[in-house]
């Protein structure tokens, strides 16, 4: 008898959870249908704010940068193995 009661309670709990999920889904669909889609601004844009400056540079905590960039070092050619001459007789 107790197994039957636990099974019935489990089925009832599942039915309640499914019903709750359905209510949430329906409510979300209603909200989506009633919202206004995003559109272009209806007012003219205001004046653009002045560009922001770097507060660290204003405070003077920026590292010293050289006035001219340092020259990049030239890459040396790769060291290749020597090409030796073989002691092979071409007439052989």
Protein backbone atom coordinates (compact mmCIF):
# COMPACT_ATOMS: atom_id res chain seq x y z
CA UNK A 1 0.00 0.00 0.00
CA UNK A 2 2.83 2.37 0.87
CA UNK A 3 4.47 1.81 -2.54
CA UNK A 4 1.23 2.76 -4.24
CA UNK A 5 1.02 6.00 -2.23
CA UNK A 6 4.64 6.93 -3.01
CA UNK A 7 4.13 6.18 -6.70
CA UNK A 8 0.94 8.23 -6.81
CA UNK A 9 2.66 11.13 -5.04
CA UNK A 10 5.55 10.94 -7.54
CA UNK A 11 3.16 11.01 -10.50
CA UNK A 12 1.26 13.94 -9.00
CA UNK A 13 4.52 15.83 -8.41
CA UNK A 14 5.58 15.26 -12.03
CA UNK A 15 2.20 16.46 -13.32
CA UNK A 16 2.48 19.62 -11.18
CA UNK A 17 6.00 20.32 -12.47
CA UNK A 18 4.87 19.86 -16.08
CA UNK A 19 1.92 22.18 -15.51
CA UNK A 20 4.19 24.80 -13.94
CA UNK A 21 6.61 24.59 -16.86
CA UNK A 22 3.72 25.02 -19.30
CA UNK A 23 2.51 28.12 -17.44
CA UNK A 24 6.01 29.63 -17.57
CA UNK A 25 6.33 28.91 -21.30
CA UNK A 26 2.91 30.41 -22.06
CA UNK A 27 3.73 33.51 -20.03
CA UNK A 28 7.02 33.93 -21.91
CA UNK A 29 5.22 33.67 -25.26
CA UNK A 30 2.68 36.30 -24.19
CA UNK A 31 5.44 38.64 -23.07
CA UNK A 32 7.32 38.16 -26.34
CA UNK A 33 4.18 38.91 -28.35
CA UNK A 34 3.37 42.09 -26.45
CA UNK A 35 6.81 43.69 -26.49
CA UNK A 36 7.72 46.34 -29.04
CA UNK A 37 10.62 45.35 -31.26
CA UNK A 38 13.71 47.46 -31.02
CA UNK A 39 13.70 50.23 -33.57
CA UNK A 40 15.70 53.30 -34.47
CA UNK A 41 15.94 56.10 -31.97
CA UNK A 42 13.00 58.49 -32.13
CA UNK A 43 14.99 61.48 -30.92
CA UNK A 44 17.90 63.23 -32.57
CA UNK A 45 21.27 62.23 -31.17
CA UNK A 46 22.77 64.74 -28.79
CA UNK A 47 26.23 66.25 -29.02
CA UNK A 48 29.06 63.77 -28.88
CA UNK A 49 30.95 63.78 -25.57
CA UNK A 50 34.59 64.76 -25.65
CA UNK A 51 36.95 61.81 -26.06
CA UNK A 52 38.13 60.47 -22.75
CA UNK A 53 41.76 60.77 -21.87
CA UNK A 54 43.83 58.13 -20.17
CA UNK A 55 43.71 58.80 -16.41
CA UNK A 56 47.07 57.11 -15.87
CA UNK A 57 48.72 59.37 -18.43
CA UNK A 58 47.09 62.41 -16.78
CA UNK A 59 48.45 61.29 -13.42
CA UNK A 60 51.94 60.84 -14.87
CA UNK A 61 52.36 57.16 -14.11
CA UNK A 62 52.94 56.09 -17.70
CA UNK A 63 56.35 54.51 -18.35
CA UNK A 64 58.86 56.65 -20.22
CA UNK A 65 58.69 55.94 -23.90
CA UNK A 66 61.60 56.80 -26.24
CA UNK A 67 60.87 59.62 -28.66
CA UNK A 68 62.18 57.55 -31.58
CA UNK A 69 61.61 53.83 -31.93
CA UNK A 70 64.70 51.71 -31.55
CA UNK A 71 65.96 50.22 -34.81
CA UNK A 72 65.10 46.61 -35.30
CA UNK A 73 68.16 44.35 -35.50
CA UNK A 74 68.85 42.82 -38.88
CA UNK A 75 68.57 39.08 -39.04
CA UNK A 76 71.76 37.27 -39.92
CA UNK A 77 71.75 34.54 -42.50
CA UNK A 78 71.35 31.01 -41.27
CA UNK A 79 74.45 28.89 -40.83
CA UNK A 80 74.35 26.14 -43.42
CA UNK A 81 76.48 22.99 -43.43
CA UNK A 82 79.42 23.06 -45.81
CA UNK A 83 79.03 21.37 -49.11
CA UNK A 84 82.04 19.10 -49.44
CA UNK A 85 83.25 17.46 -52.57
CA UNK A 86 82.94 13.72 -52.68
CA UNK A 87 85.84 11.57 -53.77
CA UNK A 88 83.64 9.81 -56.28
CA UNK A 89 84.93 9.06 -59.73
CA UNK A 90 82.22 9.95 -62.25
CA UNK A 91 83.54 7.27 -64.67
CA UNK A 92 82.78 4.43 -62.32
